[in-house]
Amino acid sequence: MKRRNFVVIAESKRIKKGNSTGLVECYVSDQKGSLVAHSTSTCLILKGNDESKRIKL
């Protein structure tokens, strides 16, 4: 397999933030500015910093 140097640039933005969830979007482009990937994600917002209060899965 031939190895190539490849630079990508990722940009993300928050679309909406609620009390317990948020929606984010990300665009990944190559060094020429062409779109390589696009994603959206729903994220759970964990309140507080105390890990002992969180449910371990």
PDB file of N, CA and C in Angstrom:
ATOM      1  N   MET A   1       0.847  -1.171   0.000  1.00  0.00           N
ATOM      2  CA  MET A   1       0.000   0.000   0.000  1.00  0.00           C
ATOM      3  C   MET A   1       0.895   1.237   0.000  1.00  0.00           C
ATOM      4  N   LYS A   2       0.586   2.180  -0.858  1.00  0.00           N
ATOM      5  CA  LYS A   2       1.346   3.417  -0.934  1.00  0.00           C
ATOM      6  C   LYS A   2       0.860   4.392   0.126  1.00  0.00           C
ATOM      7  N   ARG A   3       1.789   4.968   0.826  1.00  0.00           N
ATOM      8  CA  ARG A   3       1.447   5.921   1.888  1.00  0.00           C
ATOM      9  C   ARG A   3       1.439   7.334   1.328  1.00  0.00           C
ATOM     10  N   ARG A   4       0.428   8.111   1.689  1.00  0.00           N
ATOM     11  CA  ARG A   4       0.309   9.483   1.192  1.00  0.00           C
ATOM     12  C   ARG A   4       0.094  10.441   2.352  1.00  0.00           C
ATOM     13  N   ASN A   5       0.610  11.634   2.190  1.00  0.00           N
ATOM     14  CA  ASN A   5       0.329  12.690   3.175  1.00  0.00           C
ATOM     15  C   ASN A   5      -1.010  13.313   2.811  1.00  0.00           C
ATOM     16  N   PHE A   6      -1.881  13.406   3.778  1.00  0.00           N
ATOM     17  CA  PHE A   6      -3.212  13.924   3.516  1.00  0.00           C
ATOM     18  C   PHE A   6      -3.626  14.804   4.688  1.00  0.00           C
ATOM     19  N   VAL A   7      -3.962  16.037   4.403  1.00  0.00           N
ATOM     20  CA  VAL A   7      -4.375  16.983   5.436  1.00  0.00           C
ATOM     21  C   VAL A   7      -5.885  17.172   5.346  1.00  0.00           C
ATOM     22  N   VAL A   8      -6.549  17.074   6.481  1.00  0.00           N
ATOM     23  CA  VAL A   8      -7.984  17.349   6.532  1.00  0.00           C
ATOM     24  C   VAL A   8      -8.245  18.439   7.561  1.00  0.00           C
ATOM     25  N   ILE A   9      -9.304  19.167   7.343  1.00  0.00           N
ATOM     26  CA  ILE A   9      -9.710  20.237   8.249  1.00  0.00           C
ATOM     27  C   ILE A   9     -11.132  19.938   8.693  1.00  0.00           C
ATOM     28  N   ALA A  10     -11.339  19.880  10.017  1.00  0.00           N
ATOM     29  CA  ALA A  10     -12.673  19.615  10.561  1.00  0.00           C
ATOM     30  C   ALA A  10     -13.225  20.882  11.195  1.00  0.00           C
ATOM     31  N   GLU A  11     -14.464  21.184  10.891  1.00  0.00           N
ATOM     32  CA  GLU A  11     -15.158  22.329  11.483  1.00  0.00           C
ATOM     33  C   GLU A  11     -16.469  21.836  12.069  1.00  0.00           C
ATOM     34  N   SER A  12     -16.746  22.246  13.282  1.00  0.00           N
ATOM     35  CA  SER A  12     -17.998  21.814  13.907  1.00  0.00           C
ATOM     36  C   SER A  12     -18.745  23.014  14.446  1.00  0.00           C
ATOM     37  N   LYS A  13     -20.042  22.806  14.631  1.00  0.00           N
ATOM     38  CA  LYS A  13     -20.851  23.859  15.252  1.00  0.00           C
ATOM     39  C   LYS A  13     -21.993  23.224  16.024  1.00  0.00           C
ATOM     40  N   ARG A  14     -22.401  23.895  17.061  1.00  0.00           N
ATOM     41  CA  ARG A  14     -23.552  23.469  17.850  1.00  0.00           C
ATOM     42  C   ARG A  14     -24.794  24.007  17.164  1.00  0.00           C
ATOM     43  N   ILE A  15     -25.710  23.125  16.848  1.00  0.00           N
ATOM     44  CA  ILE A  15     -26.947  23.532  16.196  1.00  0.00           C
ATOM     45  C   ILE A  15     -27.990  23.918  17.238  1.00  0.00           C
ATOM     46  N   LYS A  16     -28.127  23.088  18.278  1.00  0.00           N
ATOM     47  CA  LYS A  16     -29.104  23.368  19.335  1.00  0.00           C
ATOM     48  C   LYS A  16     -28.630  22.772  20.647  1.00  0.00           C
ATOM     49  N   LYS A  17     -28.862  23.498  21.732  1.00  0.00           N
ATOM     50  CA  LYS A  17     -28.532  23.007  23.064  1.00  0.00           C
ATOM     51  C   LYS A  17     -29.779  23.090  23.921  1.00  0.00           C
ATOM     52  N   GLY A  18     -30.168  21.932  24.459  1.00  0.00           N
ATOM     53  CA  GLY A  18     -31.296  21.874  25.381  1.00  0.00           C
ATOM     54  C   GLY A  18     -30.790  21.667  26.791  1.00  0.00           C
ATOM     55  N   ASN A  19     -31.674  21.292  27.706  1.00  0.00           N
ATOM     56  CA  ASN A  19     -31.282  21.054  29.096  1.00  0.00           C
ATOM     57  C   ASN A  19     -30.510  19.758  29.270  1.00  0.00           C
ATOM     58  N   SER A  20     -30.862  18.732  28.493  1.00  0.00           N
ATOM     59  CA  SER A  20     -30.202  17.436  28.679  1.00  0.00           C
ATOM     60  C   SER A  20     -29.578  16.866  27.405  1.00  0.00           C
ATOM     61  N   THR A  21     -29.859  17.460  26.246  1.00  0.00           N
ATOM     62  CA  THR A  21     -29.262  16.990  24.997  1.00  0.00           C
ATOM     63  C   THR A  21     -28.820  18.166  24.142  1.00  0.00           C
ATOM     64  N   GLY A  22     -27.938  17.885  23.220  1.00  0.00           N
ATOM     65  CA  GLY A  22     -27.482  18.894  22.274  1.00  0.00           C
ATOM     66  C   GLY A  22     -27.328  18.264  20.903  1.00  0.00           C
ATOM     67  N   LEU A  23     -27.409  19.075  19.872  1.00  0.00           N
ATOM     68  CA  LEU A  23     -27.251  18.614  18.500  1.00  0.00           C
ATOM     69  C   LEU A  23     -26.055  19.346  17.903  1.00  0.00           C
ATOM     70  N   VAL A  24     -25.088  18.591  17.370  1.00  0.00           N
ATOM     71  CA  VAL A  24     -23.890  19.174  16.769  1.00  0.00           C
ATOM     72  C   VAL A  24     -23.735  18.664  15.336  1.00  0.00           C
ATOM     73  N   GLU A  25     -22.966  19.417  14.562  1.00  0.00           N
ATOM     74  CA  GLU A  25     -22.744  19.088  13.161  1.00  0.00           C
ATOM     75  C   GLU A  25     -21.256  19.277  12.866  1.00  0.00           C
ATOM     76  N   CYS A  26     -20.695  18.439  12.004  1.00  0.00           N
ATOM     77  CA  CYS A  26     -19.277  18.533  11.671  1.00  0.00           C
ATOM     78  C   CYS A  26     -19.079  18.353  10.169  1.00  0.00           C
ATOM     79  N   TYR A  27     -18.210  19.176   9.597  1.00  0.00           N
ATOM     80  CA  TYR A  27     -17.814  19.070   8.201  1.00  0.00           C
ATOM     81  C   TYR A  27     -16.315  18.808   8.154  1.00  0.00           C
ATOM     82  N   VAL A  28     -15.888  17.868   7.327  1.00  0.00           N
ATOM     83  CA  VAL A  28     -14.465  17.577   7.147  1.00  0.00           C
ATOM     84  C   VAL A  28     -14.125  17.833   5.680  1.00  0.00           C
ATOM     85  N   SER A  29     -13.115  18.674   5.452  1.00  0.00           N
ATOM     86  CA  SER A  29     -12.697  19.028   4.098  1.00  0.00           C
ATOM     87  C   SER A  29     -11.235  18.658   3.893  1.00  0.00           C
ATOM     88  N   ASP A  30     -10.856  18.441   2.618  1.00  0.00           N
ATOM     89  CA  ASP A  30      -9.453  18.190   2.325  1.00  0.00           C
ATOM     90  C   ASP A  30      -8.732  19.518   2.136  1.00  0.00           C
ATOM     91  N   GLN A  31      -7.447  19.441   1.802  1.00  0.00           N
ATOM     92  CA  GLN A  31      -6.648  20.663   1.700  1.00  0.00           C
ATOM     93  C   GLN A  31      -7.051  21.546   0.519  1.00  0.00           C
ATOM     94  N   LYS A  32      -7.826  21.000  -0.415  1.00  0.00           N
ATOM     95  CA  LYS A  32      -8.326  21.799  -1.543  1.00  0.00           C
ATOM     96  C   LYS A  32      -9.678  22.432  -1.241  1.00  0.00           C
ATOM     97  N   GLY A  33     -10.258  22.093  -0.090  1.00  0.00           N
ATOM     98  CA  GLY A  33     -11.547  22.642   0.286  1.00  0.00           C
ATOM     99  C   GLY A  33     -12.727  21.767  -0.096  1.00  0.00           C
ATOM    100  N   SER A  34     -12.451  20.594  -0.674  1.00  0.00           N
ATOM    101  CA  SER A  34     -13.536  19.684  -1.053  1.00  0.00           C
ATOM    102  C   SER A  34     -14.071  18.956   0.178  1.00  0.00           C
ATOM    103  N   LEU A  35     -15.373  18.821   0.252  1.00  0.00           N
ATOM    104  CA  LEU A  35     -16.004  18.135   1.369  1.00  0.00           C
ATOM    105  C   LEU A  35     -15.689  16.648   1.312  1.00  0.00           C
ATOM    106  N   VAL A  36     -15.150  16.116   2.412  1.00  0.00           N
ATOM    107  CA  VAL A  36     -14.790  14.708   2.506  1.00  0.00           C
ATOM    108  C   VAL A  36     -15.824  13.944   3.330  1.00  0.00           C
ATOM    109  N   ALA A  37     -16.333  14.588   4.396  1.00  0.00           N
ATOM    110  CA  ALA A  37     -17.301  13.926   5.274  1.00  0.00           C
ATOM    111  C   ALA A  37     -18.181  14.968   5.946  1.00  0.00           C
ATOM    112  N   HIS A  38     -19.375  14.528   6.323  1.00  0.00           N
ATOM    113  CA  HIS A  38     -20.318  15.379   7.048  1.00  0.00           C
ATOM    114  C   HIS A  38     -21.019  14.498   8.061  1.00  0.00           C
ATOM    115  N   SER A  39     -21.201  15.006   9.278  1.00  0.00           N
ATOM    116  CA  SER A  39     -21.901  14.212  10.286  1.00  0.00           C
ATOM    117  C   SER A  39     -22.729  15.108  11.184  1.00  0.00           C
ATOM    118  N   THR A  40     -23.749  14.500  11.777  1.00  0.00           N
ATOM    119  CA  THR A  40     -24.510  15.152  12.836  1.00  0.00           C
ATOM    120  C   THR A  40     -24.548  14.181  14.012  1.00  0.00           C
ATOM    121  N   SER A  41     -24.688  14.729  15.202  1.00  0.00           N
ATOM    122  CA  SER A  41     -24.701  13.876  16.386  1.00  0.00           C
ATOM    123  C   SER A  41     -25.577  14.504  17.464  1.00  0.00           C
ATOM    124  N   THR A  42     -26.326  13.651  18.144  1.00  0.00           N
ATOM    125  CA  THR A  42     -27.072  14.063  19.325  1.00  0.00           C
ATOM    126  C   THR A  42     -26.255  13.654  20.533  1.00  0.00           C
ATOM    127  N   CYS A  43     -25.986  14.590  21.419  1.00  0.00           N
ATOM    128  CA  CYS A  43     -25.118  14.348  22.573  1.00  0.00           C
ATOM    129  C   CYS A  43     -25.899  14.514  23.868  1.00  0.00           C
ATOM    130  N   LEU A  44     -25.585  13.680  24.833  1.00  0.00           N
ATOM    131  CA  LEU A  44     -26.168  13.774  26.166  1.00  0.00           C
ATOM    132  C   LEU A  44     -25.324  14.722  26.994  1.00  0.00           C
ATOM    133  N   ILE A  45     -25.953  15.668  27.661  1.00  0.00           N
ATOM    134  CA  ILE A  45     -25.251  16.629  28.504  1.00  0.00           C
ATOM    135  C   ILE A  45     -25.257  16.105  29.935  1.00  0.00           C
ATOM    136  N   LEU A  46     -24.055  15.832  30.463  1.00  0.00           N
ATOM    137  CA  LEU A  46     -23.912  15.352  31.838  1.00  0.00           C
ATOM    138  C   LEU A  46     -23.710  16.548  32.745  1.00  0.00           C
ATOM    139  N   LYS A  47     -24.523  16.661  33.751  1.00  0.00           N
ATOM    140  CA  LYS A  47     -24.429  17.802  34.664  1.00  0.00           C
ATOM    141  C   LYS A  47     -23.515  17.468  35.825  1.00  0.00           C
ATOM    142  N   GLY A  48     -22.718  18.434  36.235  1.00  0.00           N
ATOM    143  CA  GLY A  48     -21.828  18.251  37.372  1.00  0.00           C
ATOM    144  C   GLY A  48     -20.545  17.545  36.992  1.00  0.00           C
ATOM    145  N   ASN A  49     -19.591  17.567  37.889  1.00  0.00           N
ATOM    146  CA  ASN A  49     -18.294  16.956  37.635  1.00  0.00           C
ATOM    147  C   ASN A  49     -18.045  15.707  38.462  1.00  0.00           C
ATOM    148  N   ASP A  50     -18.956  15.354  39.340  1.00  0.00           N
ATOM    149  CA  ASP A  50     -18.749  14.229  40.245  1.00  0.00           C
ATOM    150  C   ASP A  50     -19.087  12.916  39.543  1.00  0.00           C
ATOM    151  N   GLU A  51     -18.042  12.174  39.115  1.00  0.00           N
ATOM    152  CA  GLU A  51     -18.265  10.919  38.402  1.00  0.00           C
ATOM    153  C   GLU A  51     -18.969   9.873  39.248  1.00  0.00           C
ATOM    154  N   SER A  52     -18.878   9.947  40.565  1.00  0.00           N
ATOM    155  CA  SER A  52     -19.486   8.929  41.417  1.00  0.00           C
ATOM    156  C   SER A  52     -21.011   8.978  41.333  1.00  0.00           C
ATOM    157  N   LYS A  53     -21.576  10.091  40.876  1.00  0.00           N
ATOM    158  CA  LYS A  53     -23.036  10.216  40.778  1.00  0.00           C
ATOM    159  C   LYS A  53     -23.556   9.722  39.433  1.00  0.00           C
ATOM    160  N   ARG A  54     -22.669   9.399  38.499  1.00  0.00           N
ATOM    161  CA  ARG A  54     -23.078   8.948  37.175  1.00  0.00           C
ATOM    162  C   ARG A  54     -23.244   7.443  37.164  1.00  0.00           C
ATOM    163  N   ILE A  55     -24.178   6.973  36.339  1.00  0.00           N
ATOM    164  CA  ILE A  55     -24.432   5.537  36.196  1.00  0.00           C
ATOM    165  C   ILE A  55     -23.329   4.962  35.303  1.00  0.00           C
ATOM    166  N   LYS A  56     -22.684   3.911  35.738  1.00  0.00           N
ATOM    167  CA  LYS A  56     -21.633   3.264  34.940  1.00  0.00           C
ATOM    168  C   LYS A  56     -22.255   2.145  34.126  1.00  0.00           C
ATOM    169  N   LEU A  57     -22.028   2.166  32.842  1.00  0.00           N
ATOM    170  CA  LEU A  57     -22.573   1.144  31.939  1.00  0.00           C
ATOM    171  C   LEU A  57     -21.561   0.069  31.668  1.00  0.00           C
TER     172      LEU A  57
END
